[in-house]
Amino acid sequence: MQGPPGVGKSHLLCGLGIRAIQLGFSVQYFRFDELLTALRADAHLPPVMLKKRKYMSTALLLVDEMGDDPMSREDASLFFRIVNYRYGARRHDHHHQQEHPRLDRAARR
């Protein structure tokens, strides 16, 4: 979501997280700068080790306060490492689809 400060973007994000929790999903909330700090610290880890990190092991990852500044190529690569792991290769994992079919359907929409 994009918009000027004070229009409710963060409030809506938290509301979506609360609803996901009510539906039984695990949720993690990060400000983008905090997530990026964690990603930089874990950059040396192989993908198999990343699955133990809280930003990888939760059903729904909420990222707030991304801002308008462009990311460096390195930071973008770290961020999209999450996207690729969570929604790329794992999308075809049968267990993952069995565990969270409603979330998968919502993500496809």
PDB file of N, CA and C in Angstrom:
ATOM      1  N   MET A   1       0.841  -1.177   0.000  1.00  0.00           N
ATOM      2  CA  MET A   1       0.000   0.000   0.000  1.00  0.00           C
ATOM      3  C   MET A   1       0.881   1.233   0.000  1.00  0.00           C
ATOM      4  N   GLN A   2       0.412   2.242  -0.669  1.00  0.00           N
ATOM      5  CA  GLN A   2       1.099   3.509  -0.676  1.00  0.00           C
ATOM      6  C   GLN A   2       0.113   4.598  -0.308  1.00  0.00           C
ATOM      7  N   GLY A   3       0.622   5.646   0.256  1.00  0.00           N
ATOM      8  CA  GLY A   3      -0.219   6.782   0.588  1.00  0.00           C
ATOM      9  C   GLY A   3       0.499   7.710   1.526  1.00  0.00           C
ATOM     10  N   PRO A   4      -0.042   8.898   1.694  1.00  0.00           N
ATOM     11  CA  PRO A   4       0.599   9.864   2.587  1.00  0.00           C
ATOM     12  C   PRO A   4       0.495   9.417   4.039  1.00  0.00           C
ATOM     13  N   PRO A   5       1.317   9.993   4.903  1.00  0.00           N
ATOM     14  CA  PRO A   5       1.257   9.646   6.322  1.00  0.00           C
ATOM     15  C   PRO A   5      -0.117   9.934   6.911  1.00  0.00           C
ATOM     16  N   GLY A   6      -0.552   9.054   7.811  1.00  0.00           N
ATOM     17  CA  GLY A   6      -1.766   9.306   8.563  1.00  0.00           C
ATOM     18  C   GLY A   6      -3.063   8.835   7.940  1.00  0.00           C
ATOM     19  N   VAL A   7      -3.001   8.101   6.824  1.00  0.00           N
ATOM     20  CA  VAL A   7      -4.254   7.665   6.189  1.00  0.00           C
ATOM     21  C   VAL A   7      -4.701   6.277   6.639  1.00  0.00           C
ATOM     22  N   GLY A   8      -3.857   5.585   7.428  1.00  0.00           N
ATOM     23  CA  GLY A   8      -4.287   4.310   7.999  1.00  0.00           C
ATOM     24  C   GLY A   8      -3.646   3.067   7.422  1.00  0.00           C
ATOM     25  N   LYS A   9      -2.548   3.215   6.701  1.00  0.00           N
ATOM     26  CA  LYS A   9      -1.889   2.040   6.106  1.00  0.00           C
ATOM     27  C   LYS A   9      -1.418   1.070   7.182  1.00  0.00           C
ATOM     28  N   SER A  10      -0.737   1.541   8.193  1.00  0.00           N
ATOM     29  CA  SER A  10      -0.243   0.675   9.268  1.00  0.00           C
ATOM     30  C   SER A  10      -1.400   0.096  10.076  1.00  0.00           C
ATOM     31  N   HIS A  11      -2.423   0.891  10.296  1.00  0.00           N
ATOM     32  CA  HIS A  11      -3.593   0.435  11.025  1.00  0.00           C
ATOM     33  C   HIS A  11      -4.269  -0.726  10.276  1.00  0.00           C
ATOM     34  N   LEU A  12      -4.402  -0.592   8.978  1.00  0.00           N
ATOM     35  CA  LEU A  12      -4.993  -1.651   8.168  1.00  0.00           C
ATOM     36  C   LEU A  12      -4.117  -2.901   8.188  1.00  0.00           C
ATOM     37  N   LEU A  13      -2.817  -2.728   8.103  1.00  0.00           N
ATOM     38  CA  LEU A  13      -1.891  -3.856   8.161  1.00  0.00           C
ATOM     39  C   LEU A  13      -2.050  -4.618   9.474  1.00  0.00           C
ATOM     40  N   CYS A  14      -2.118  -3.900  10.580  1.00  0.00           N
ATOM     41  CA  CYS A  14      -2.316  -4.549  11.884  1.00  0.00           C
ATOM     42  C   CYS A  14      -3.671  -5.240  11.957  1.00  0.00           C
ATOM     43  N   GLY A  15      -4.695  -4.625  11.396  1.00  0.00           N
ATOM     44  CA  GLY A  15      -6.011  -5.247  11.365  1.00  0.00           C
ATOM     45  C   GLY A  15      -6.007  -6.560  10.594  1.00  0.00           C
ATOM     46  N   LEU A  16      -5.290  -6.585   9.471  1.00  0.00           N
ATOM     47  CA  LEU A  16      -5.170  -7.827   8.705  1.00  0.00           C
ATOM     48  C   LEU A  16      -4.436  -8.892   9.515  1.00  0.00           C
ATOM     49  N   GLY A  17      -3.417  -8.476  10.234  1.00  0.00           N
ATOM     50  CA  GLY A  17      -2.682  -9.413  11.085  1.00  0.00           C
ATOM     51  C   GLY A  17      -3.546  -9.975  12.197  1.00  0.00           C
ATOM     52  N   ILE A  18      -4.328  -9.133  12.827  1.00  0.00           N
ATOM     53  CA  ILE A  18      -5.226  -9.583  13.895  1.00  0.00           C
ATOM     54  C   ILE A  18      -6.240 -10.582  13.358  1.00  0.00           C
ATOM     55  N   ARG A  19      -6.785 -10.292  12.196  1.00  0.00           N
ATOM     56  CA  ARG A  19      -7.763 -11.215  11.606  1.00  0.00           C
ATOM     57  C   ARG A  19      -7.112 -12.551  11.264  1.00  0.00           C
ATOM     58  N   ALA A  20      -5.904 -12.525  10.750  1.00  0.00           N
ATOM     59  CA  ALA A  20      -5.194 -13.772  10.443  1.00  0.00           C
ATOM     60  C   ALA A  20      -4.977 -14.593  11.714  1.00  0.00           C
ATOM     61  N   ILE A  21      -4.622 -13.937  12.803  1.00  0.00           N
ATOM     62  CA  ILE A  21      -4.449 -14.631  14.090  1.00  0.00           C
ATOM     63  C   ILE A  21      -5.780 -15.239  14.537  1.00  0.00           C
ATOM     64  N   GLN A  22      -6.858 -14.496  14.390  1.00  0.00           N
ATOM     65  CA  GLN A  22      -8.178 -15.017  14.756  1.00  0.00           C
ATOM     66  C   GLN A  22      -8.538 -16.257  13.944  1.00  0.00           C
ATOM     67  N   LEU A  23      -8.034 -16.335  12.719  1.00  0.00           N
ATOM     68  CA  LEU A  23      -8.293 -17.489  11.857  1.00  0.00           C
ATOM     69  C   LEU A  23      -7.315 -18.635  12.113  1.00  0.00           C
ATOM     70  N   GLY A  24      -6.391 -18.437  13.048  1.00  0.00           N
ATOM     71  CA  GLY A  24      -5.475 -19.501  13.435  1.00  0.00           C
ATOM     72  C   GLY A  24      -4.110 -19.478  12.782  1.00  0.00           C
ATOM     73  N   PHE A  25      -3.777 -18.423  12.082  1.00  0.00           N
ATOM     74  CA  PHE A  25      -2.472 -18.319  11.437  1.00  0.00           C
ATOM     75  C   PHE A  25      -1.457 -17.668  12.367  1.00  0.00           C
ATOM     76  N   SER A  26      -0.200 -18.022  12.203  1.00  0.00           N
ATOM     77  CA  SER A  26       0.871 -17.333  12.929  1.00  0.00           C
ATOM     78  C   SER A  26       1.242 -16.079  12.136  1.00  0.00           C
ATOM     79  N   VAL A  27       1.545 -15.005  12.859  1.00  0.00           N
ATOM     80  CA  VAL A  27       1.810 -13.712  12.224  1.00  0.00           C
ATOM     81  C   VAL A  27       3.036 -13.075  12.869  1.00  0.00           C
ATOM     82  N   GLN A  28       3.872 -12.471  12.062  1.00  0.00           N
ATOM     83  CA  GLN A  28       4.991 -11.665  12.541  1.00  0.00           C
ATOM     84  C   GLN A  28       4.906 -10.293  11.888  1.00  0.00           C
ATOM     85  N   TYR A  29       5.154  -9.257  12.659  1.00  0.00           N
ATOM     86  CA  TYR A  29       5.134  -7.876  12.183  1.00  0.00           C
ATOM     87  C   TYR A  29       6.554  -7.323  12.285  1.00  0.00           C
ATOM     88  N   PHE A  30       7.018  -6.716  11.224  1.00  0.00           N
ATOM     89  CA  PHE A  30       8.330  -6.072  11.218  1.00  0.00           C
ATOM     90  C   PHE A  30       8.214  -4.699  10.580  1.00  0.00           C
ATOM     91  N   ARG A  31       8.923  -3.750  11.127  1.00  0.00           N
ATOM     92  CA  ARG A  31       9.208  -2.529  10.370  1.00  0.00           C
ATOM     93  C   ARG A  31      10.289  -2.923   9.376  1.00  0.00           C
ATOM     94  N   PHE A  32      10.272  -2.343   8.207  1.00  0.00           N
ATOM     95  CA  PHE A  32      11.199  -2.759   7.162  1.00  0.00           C
ATOM     96  C   PHE A  32      12.653  -2.627   7.587  1.00  0.00           C
ATOM     97  N   ASP A  33      13.003  -1.548   8.289  1.00  0.00           N
ATOM     98  CA  ASP A  33      14.397  -1.371   8.699  1.00  0.00           C
ATOM     99  C   ASP A  33      14.842  -2.469   9.668  1.00  0.00           C
ATOM    100  N   GLU A  34      13.930  -2.923  10.549  1.00  0.00           N
ATOM    101  CA  GLU A  34      14.261  -4.010  11.473  1.00  0.00           C
ATOM    102  C   GLU A  34      14.431  -5.340  10.723  1.00  0.00           C
ATOM    103  N   LEU A  35      13.559  -5.568   9.767  1.00  0.00           N
ATOM    104  CA  LEU A  35      13.672  -6.786   8.964  1.00  0.00           C
ATOM    105  C   LEU A  35      14.963  -6.785   8.165  1.00  0.00           C
ATOM    106  N   LEU A  36      15.298  -5.660   7.580  1.00  0.00           N
ATOM    107  CA  LEU A  36      16.521  -5.559   6.796  1.00  0.00           C
ATOM    108  C   LEU A  36      17.759  -5.798   7.661  1.00  0.00           C
ATOM    109  N   THR A  37      17.745  -5.312   8.889  1.00  0.00           N
ATOM    110  CA  THR A  37      18.857  -5.570   9.815  1.00  0.00           C
ATOM    111  C   THR A  37      19.000  -7.068  10.065  1.00  0.00           C
ATOM    112  N   ALA A  38      17.875  -7.759  10.290  1.00  0.00           N
ATOM    113  CA  ALA A  38      17.907  -9.206  10.504  1.00  0.00           C
ATOM    114  C   ALA A  38      18.378  -9.935   9.251  1.00  0.00           C
ATOM    115  N   LEU A  39      17.931  -9.491   8.093  1.00  0.00           N
ATOM    116  CA  LEU A  39      18.337 -10.133   6.838  1.00  0.00           C
ATOM    117  C   LEU A  39      19.835  -9.970   6.590  1.00  0.00           C
ATOM    118  N   ARG A  40      20.354  -8.799   6.883  1.00  0.00           N
ATOM    119  CA  ARG A  40      21.794  -8.573   6.705  1.00  0.00           C
ATOM    120  C   ARG A  40      22.590  -9.470   7.645  1.00  0.00           C
ATOM    121  N   ALA A  41      22.118  -9.625   8.878  1.00  0.00           N
ATOM    122  CA  ALA A  41      22.814 -10.477   9.850  1.00  0.00           C
ATOM    123  C   ALA A  41      22.778 -11.946   9.423  1.00  0.00           C
ATOM    124  N   ASP A  42      21.721 -12.342   8.715  1.00  0.00           N
ATOM    125  CA  ASP A  42      21.561 -13.738   8.307  1.00  0.00           C
ATOM    126  C   ASP A  42      21.985 -13.995   6.860  1.00  0.00           C
ATOM    127  N   ALA A  43      22.567 -13.015   6.206  1.00  0.00           N
ATOM    128  CA  ALA A  43      22.894 -13.135   4.781  1.00  0.00           C
ATOM    129  C   ALA A  43      23.817 -14.309   4.479  1.00  0.00           C
ATOM    130  N   HIS A  44      24.642 -14.688   5.426  1.00  0.00           N
ATOM    131  CA  HIS A  44      25.607 -15.767   5.207  1.00  0.00           C
ATOM    132  C   HIS A  44      24.980 -17.154   5.335  1.00  0.00           C
ATOM    133  N   LEU A  45      23.763 -17.228   5.841  1.00  0.00           N
ATOM    134  CA  LEU A  45      23.138 -18.526   6.091  1.00  0.00           C
ATOM    135  C   LEU A  45      22.611 -19.160   4.805  1.00  0.00           C
ATOM    136  N   PRO A  46      22.751 -20.467   4.679  1.00  0.00           N
ATOM    137  CA  PRO A  46      22.152 -21.144   3.528  1.00  0.00           C
ATOM    138  C   PRO A  46      20.631 -21.166   3.683  1.00  0.00           C
ATOM    139  N   PRO A  47      19.897 -21.282   2.576  1.00  0.00           N
ATOM    140  CA  PRO A  47      18.430 -21.247   2.644  1.00  0.00           C
ATOM    141  C   PRO A  47      17.833 -22.244   3.632  1.00  0.00           C
ATOM    142  N   VAL A  48      18.423 -23.426   3.754  1.00  0.00           N
ATOM    143  CA  VAL A  48      17.863 -24.427   4.663  1.00  0.00           C
ATOM    144  C   VAL A  48      17.896 -23.956   6.117  1.00  0.00           C
ATOM    145  N   MET A  49      18.855 -23.122   6.475  1.00  0.00           N
ATOM    146  CA  MET A  49      18.947 -22.601   7.840  1.00  0.00           C
ATOM    147  C   MET A  49      17.992 -21.424   8.074  1.00  0.00           C
ATOM    148  N   LEU A  50      17.599 -20.756   7.002  1.00  0.00           N
ATOM    149  CA  LEU A  50      16.711 -19.606   7.149  1.00  0.00           C
ATOM    150  C   LEU A  50      15.318 -19.995   7.620  1.00  0.00           C
ATOM    151  N   LYS A  51      14.920 -21.239   7.358  1.00  0.00           N
ATOM    152  CA  LYS A  51      13.554 -21.631   7.721  1.00  0.00           C
ATOM    153  C   LYS A  51      13.304 -21.573   9.220  1.00  0.00           C
ATOM    154  N   LYS A  52      14.358 -21.512  10.017  1.00  0.00           N
ATOM    155  CA  LYS A  52      14.207 -21.418  11.469  1.00  0.00           C
ATOM    156  C   LYS A  52      14.036 -19.978  11.950  1.00  0.00           C
ATOM    157  N   ARG A  53      14.276 -19.023  11.086  1.00  0.00           N
ATOM    158  CA  ARG A  53      14.141 -17.617  11.464  1.00  0.00           C
ATOM    159  C   ARG A  53      12.670 -17.244  11.524  1.00  0.00           C
ATOM    160  N   LYS A  54      12.310 -16.348  12.450  1.00  0.00           N
ATOM    161  CA  LYS A  54      10.894 -16.025  12.635  1.00  0.00           C
ATOM    162  C   LYS A  54      10.290 -15.369  11.401  1.00  0.00           C
ATOM    163  N   TYR A  55      11.088 -14.670  10.611  1.00  0.00           N
ATOM    164  CA  TYR A  55      10.540 -14.059   9.402  1.00  0.00           C
ATOM    165  C   TYR A  55      10.280 -15.080   8.304  1.00  0.00           C
ATOM    166  N   MET A  56      10.763 -16.311   8.485  1.00  0.00           N
ATOM    167  CA  MET A  56      10.503 -17.373   7.516  1.00  0.00           C
ATOM    168  C   MET A  56       9.518 -18.413   8.045  1.00  0.00           C
ATOM    169  N   SER A  57       9.398 -18.548   9.345  1.00  0.00           N
ATOM    170  CA  SER A  57       8.646 -19.668   9.912  1.00  0.00           C
ATOM    171  C   SER A  57       7.208 -19.328  10.281  1.00  0.00           C
ATOM    172  N   THR A  58       6.760 -18.159   9.956  1.00  0.00           N
ATOM    173  CA  THR A  58       5.396 -17.748  10.284  1.00  0.00           C
ATOM    174  C   THR A  58       4.527 -17.805   9.035  1.00  0.00           C
ATOM    175  N   ALA A  59       3.241 -18.004   9.203  1.00  0.00           N
ATOM    176  CA  ALA A  59       2.342 -18.103   8.054  1.00  0.00           C
ATOM    177  C   ALA A  59       2.191 -16.769   7.323  1.00  0.00           C
ATOM    178  N   LEU A  60       2.152 -15.672   8.068  1.00  0.00           N
ATOM    179  CA  LEU A  60       1.954 -14.357   7.466  1.00  0.00           C
ATOM    180  C   LEU A  60       3.015 -13.403   7.985  1.00  0.00           C
ATOM    181  N   LEU A  61       3.740 -12.806   7.082  1.00  0.00           N
ATOM    182  CA  LEU A  61       4.776 -11.839   7.427  1.00  0.00           C
ATOM    183  C   LEU A  61       4.282 -10.459   7.018  1.00  0.00           C
ATOM    184  N   LEU A  62       4.147  -9.571   7.997  1.00  0.00           N
ATOM    185  CA  LEU A  62       3.708  -8.207   7.746  1.00  0.00           C
ATOM    186  C   LEU A  62       4.927  -7.289   7.790  1.00  0.00           C
ATOM    187  N   VAL A  63       5.133  -6.524   6.726  1.00  0.00           N
ATOM    188  CA  VAL A  63       6.277  -5.613   6.645  1.00  0.00           C
ATOM    189  C   VAL A  63       5.736  -4.203   6.468  1.00  0.00           C
ATOM    190  N   ASP A  64       6.068  -3.343   7.406  1.00  0.00           N
ATOM    191  CA  ASP A  64       5.545  -1.971   7.437  1.00  0.00           C
ATOM    192  C   ASP A  64       6.687  -0.980   7.274  1.00  0.00           C
ATOM    193  N   GLU A  65       6.338   0.240   6.931  1.00  0.00           N
ATOM    194  CA  GLU A  65       7.289   1.357   6.865  1.00  0.00           C
ATOM    195  C   GLU A  65       8.414   1.117   5.872  1.00  0.00           C
ATOM    196  N   MET A  66       8.066   0.666   4.674  1.00  0.00           N
ATOM    197  CA  MET A  66       9.104   0.443   3.665  1.00  0.00           C
ATOM    198  C   MET A  66       9.643   1.759   3.118  1.00  0.00           C
ATOM    199  N   GLY A  67       8.847   2.792   3.137  1.00  0.00           N
ATOM    200  CA  GLY A  67       9.316   4.095   2.679  1.00  0.00           C
ATOM    201  C   GLY A  67       9.365   4.175   1.166  1.00  0.00           C
ATOM    202  N   ASP A  68       9.814   5.315   0.696  1.00  0.00           N
ATOM    203  CA  ASP A  68       9.865   5.567  -0.744  1.00  0.00           C
ATOM    204  C   ASP A  68      11.279   5.514  -1.296  1.00  0.00           C
ATOM    205  N   ASP A  69      12.273   5.376  -0.428  1.00  0.00           N
ATOM    206  CA  ASP A  69      13.654   5.362  -0.891  1.00  0.00           C
ATOM    207  C   ASP A  69      13.956   4.048  -1.600  1.00  0.00           C
ATOM    208  N   PRO A  70      14.662   4.120  -2.714  1.00  0.00           N
ATOM    209  CA  PRO A  70      15.008   2.873  -3.409  1.00  0.00           C
ATOM    210  C   PRO A  70      15.983   2.037  -2.578  1.00  0.00           C
ATOM    211  N   MET A  71      15.860   0.728  -2.691  1.00  0.00           N
ATOM    212  CA  MET A  71      16.773  -0.178  -1.998  1.00  0.00           C
ATOM    213  C   MET A  71      18.029  -0.354  -2.834  1.00  0.00           C
ATOM    214  N   SER A  72      19.123  -0.632  -2.137  1.00  0.00           N
ATOM    215  CA  SER A  72      20.336  -0.996  -2.871  1.00  0.00           C
ATOM    216  C   SER A  72      20.116  -2.375  -3.502  1.00  0.00           C
ATOM    217  N   ARG A  73      20.921  -2.721  -4.456  1.00  0.00           N
ATOM    218  CA  ARG A  73      20.812  -4.033  -5.107  1.00  0.00           C
ATOM    219  C   ARG A  73      20.990  -5.159  -4.084  1.00  0.00           C
ATOM    220  N   GLU A  74      21.915  -4.980  -3.144  1.00  0.00           N
ATOM    221  CA  GLU A  74      22.170  -6.003  -2.127  1.00  0.00           C
ATOM    222  C   GLU A  74      20.969  -6.178  -1.208  1.00  0.00           C
ATOM    223  N   ASP A  75      20.383  -5.053  -0.752  1.00  0.00           N
ATOM    224  CA  ASP A  75      19.217  -5.130   0.130  1.00  0.00           C
ATOM    225  C   ASP A  75      18.017  -5.732  -0.596  1.00  0.00           C
ATOM    226  N   ALA A  76      17.826  -5.356  -1.846  1.00  0.00           N
ATOM    227  CA  ALA A  76      16.722  -5.927  -2.626  1.00  0.00           C
ATOM    228  C   ALA A  76      16.903  -7.431  -2.780  1.00  0.00           C
ATOM    229  N   SER A  77      18.130  -7.853  -2.995  1.00  0.00           N
ATOM    230  CA  SER A  77      18.410  -9.282  -3.129  1.00  0.00           C
ATOM    231  C   SER A  77      18.083 -10.016  -1.832  1.00  0.00           C
ATOM    232  N   LEU A  78      18.443  -9.428  -0.697  1.00  0.00           N
ATOM    233  CA  LEU A  78      18.124 -10.043   0.590  1.00  0.00           C
ATOM    234  C   LEU A  78      16.621 -10.116   0.814  1.00  0.00           C
ATOM    235  N   PHE A  79      15.911  -9.034   0.499  1.00  0.00           N
ATOM    236  CA  PHE A  79      14.470  -9.003   0.699  1.00  0.00           C
ATOM    237  C   PHE A  79      13.776 -10.036  -0.192  1.00  0.00           C
ATOM    238  N   PHE A  80      14.178 -10.107  -1.443  1.00  0.00           N
ATOM    239  CA  PHE A  80      13.524 -11.042  -2.357  1.00  0.00           C
ATOM    240  C   PHE A  80      13.956 -12.480  -2.115  1.00  0.00           C
ATOM    241  N   ARG A  81      14.985 -12.668  -1.333  1.00  0.00           N
ATOM    242  CA  ARG A  81      15.327 -14.021  -0.883  1.00  0.00           C
ATOM    243  C   ARG A  81      14.179 -14.585  -0.038  1.00  0.00           C
ATOM    244  N   ILE A  82      13.574 -13.733   0.780  1.00  0.00           N
ATOM    245  CA  ILE A  82      12.413 -14.143   1.578  1.00  0.00           C
ATOM    246  C   ILE A  82      11.249 -14.486   0.652  1.00  0.00           C
ATOM    247  N   VAL A  83      10.961 -13.595  -0.271  1.00  0.00           N
ATOM    248  CA  VAL A  83       9.830 -13.805  -1.172  1.00  0.00           C
ATOM    249  C   VAL A  83      10.012 -15.103  -1.951  1.00  0.00           C
ATOM    250  N   ASN A  84      11.206 -15.321  -2.470  1.00  0.00           N
ATOM    251  CA  ASN A  84      11.460 -16.528  -3.241  1.00  0.00           C
ATOM    252  C   ASN A  84      11.315 -17.775  -2.383  1.00  0.00           C
ATOM    253  N   TYR A  85      11.856 -17.745  -1.175  1.00  0.00           N
ATOM    254  CA  TYR A  85      11.776 -18.918  -0.305  1.00  0.00           C
ATOM    255  C   TYR A  85      10.338 -19.170   0.136  1.00  0.00           C
ATOM    256  N   ARG A  86       9.678 -18.118   0.608  1.00  0.00           N
ATOM    257  CA  ARG A  86       8.338 -18.286   1.183  1.00  0.00           C
ATOM    258  C   ARG A  86       7.291 -18.594   0.131  1.00  0.00           C
ATOM    259  N   TYR A  87       7.360 -17.947  -1.020  1.00  0.00           N
ATOM    260  CA  TYR A  87       6.268 -18.058  -1.982  1.00  0.00           C
ATOM    261  C   TYR A  87       6.696 -18.619  -3.325  1.00  0.00           C
ATOM    262  N   GLY A  88       7.965 -18.923  -3.491  1.00  0.00           N
ATOM    263  CA  GLY A  88       8.443 -19.512  -4.726  1.00  0.00           C
ATOM    264  C   GLY A  88       8.522 -21.012  -4.615  1.00  0.00           C
ATOM    265  N   ALA A  89       9.639 -21.486  -4.116  1.00  0.00           N
ATOM    266  CA  ALA A  89       9.868 -22.929  -4.011  1.00  0.00           C
ATOM    267  C   ALA A  89       8.869 -23.601  -3.084  1.00  0.00           C
ATOM    268  N   ARG A  90       8.510 -22.957  -1.988  1.00  0.00           N
ATOM    269  CA  ARG A  90       7.584 -23.574  -1.023  1.00  0.00           C
ATOM    270  C   ARG A  90       6.162 -23.655  -1.555  1.00  0.00           C
ATOM    271  N   ARG A  91       5.816 -22.857  -2.558  1.00  0.00           N
ATOM    272  CA  ARG A  91       4.468 -22.863  -3.096  1.00  0.00           C
ATOM    273  C   ARG A  91       4.096 -24.245  -3.621  1.00  0.00           C
ATOM    274  N   HIS A  92       5.097 -25.001  -4.056  1.00  0.00           N
ATOM    275  CA  HIS A  92       4.846 -26.321  -4.611  1.00  0.00           C
ATOM    276  C   HIS A  92       4.995 -27.427  -3.578  1.00  0.00           C
ATOM    277  N   ASP A  93       5.278 -27.058  -2.360  1.00  0.00           N
ATOM    278  CA  ASP A  93       5.435 -28.033  -1.283  1.00  0.00           C
ATOM    279  C   ASP A  93       4.055 -28.492  -0.819  1.00  0.00           C
ATOM    280  N   HIS A  94       3.748 -29.764  -0.973  1.00  0.00           N
ATOM    281  CA  HIS A  94       2.420 -30.308  -0.661  1.00  0.00           C
ATOM    282  C   HIS A  94       2.041 -30.071   0.799  1.00  0.00           C
ATOM    283  N   HIS A  95       2.966 -30.264   1.721  1.00  0.00           N
ATOM    284  CA  HIS A  95       2.675 -30.070   3.141  1.00  0.00           C
ATOM    285  C   HIS A  95       2.265 -28.629   3.418  1.00  0.00           C
ATOM    286  N   HIS A  96       2.970 -27.684   2.802  1.00  0.00           N
ATOM    287  CA  HIS A  96       2.659 -26.271   3.015  1.00  0.00           C
ATOM    288  C   HIS A  96       1.237 -25.968   2.557  1.00  0.00           C
ATOM    289  N   GLN A  97       0.828 -26.510   1.411  1.00  0.00           N
ATOM    290  CA  GLN A  97      -0.514 -26.252   0.905  1.00  0.00           C
ATOM    291  C   GLN A  97      -1.563 -26.913   1.787  1.00  0.00           C
ATOM    292  N   GLN A  98      -1.263 -28.064   2.328  1.00  0.00           N
ATOM    293  CA  GLN A  98      -2.196 -28.720   3.227  1.00  0.00           C
ATOM    294  C   GLN A  98      -2.354 -27.927   4.518  1.00  0.00           C
ATOM    295  N   GLU A  99      -1.251 -27.368   4.988  1.00  0.00           N
ATOM    296  CA  GLU A  99      -1.268 -26.691   6.275  1.00  0.00           C
ATOM    297  C   GLU A  99      -2.026 -25.364   6.228  1.00  0.00           C
ATOM    298  N   HIS A 100      -1.897 -24.614   5.136  1.00  0.00           N
ATOM    299  CA  HIS A 100      -2.486 -23.280   5.047  1.00  0.00           C
ATOM    300  C   HIS A 100      -3.204 -23.067   3.710  1.00  0.00           C
ATOM    301  N   PRO A 101      -4.195 -23.872   3.374  1.00  0.00           N
ATOM    302  CA  PRO A 101      -4.840 -23.719   2.062  1.00  0.00           C
ATOM    303  C   PRO A 101      -5.539 -22.372   1.892  1.00  0.00           C
ATOM    304  N   ARG A 102      -6.142 -21.827   2.960  1.00  0.00           N
ATOM    305  CA  ARG A 102      -6.828 -20.540   2.837  1.00  0.00           C
ATOM    306  C   ARG A 102      -5.840 -19.422   2.559  1.00  0.00           C
ATOM    307  N   LEU A 103      -4.683 -19.454   3.206  1.00  0.00           N
ATOM    308  CA  LEU A 103      -3.675 -18.423   2.989  1.00  0.00           C
ATOM    309  C   LEU A 103      -3.128 -18.523   1.573  1.00  0.00           C
ATOM    310  N   ASP A 104      -2.911 -19.740   1.075  1.00  0.00           N
ATOM    311  CA  ASP A 104      -2.419 -19.910  -0.287  1.00  0.00           C
ATOM    312  C   ASP A 104      -3.419 -19.363  -1.302  1.00  0.00           C
ATOM    313  N   ARG A 105      -4.711 -19.648  -1.096  1.00  0.00           N
ATOM    314  CA  ARG A 105      -5.733 -19.127  -2.011  1.00  0.00           C
ATOM    315  C   ARG A 105      -5.748 -17.599  -1.975  1.00  0.00           C
ATOM    316  N   ALA A 106      -5.637 -17.040  -0.779  1.00  0.00           N
ATOM    317  CA  ALA A 106      -5.632 -15.574  -0.656  1.00  0.00           C
ATOM    318  C   ALA A 106      -4.412 -14.972  -1.331  1.00  0.00           C
ATOM    319  N   ALA A 107      -3.262 -15.615  -1.218  1.00  0.00           N
ATOM    320  CA  ALA A 107      -2.034 -15.098  -1.838  1.00  0.00           C
ATOM    321  C   ALA A 107      -2.152 -15.122  -3.359  1.00  0.00           C
ATOM    322  N   ARG A 108      -2.798 -16.143  -3.910  1.00  0.00           N
ATOM    323  CA  ARG A 108      -2.953 -16.222  -5.357  1.00  0.00           C
ATOM    324  C   ARG A 108      -3.875 -15.108  -5.872  1.00  0.00           C
ATOM    325  N   ARG A 109      -4.848 -14.712  -5.063  1.00  0.00           N
ATOM    326  CA  ARG A 109      -5.760 -13.642  -5.471  1.00  0.00           C
ATOM    327  C   ARG A 109      -5.035 -12.322  -5.500  1.00  0.00           C
TER     328      ARG A 109
END
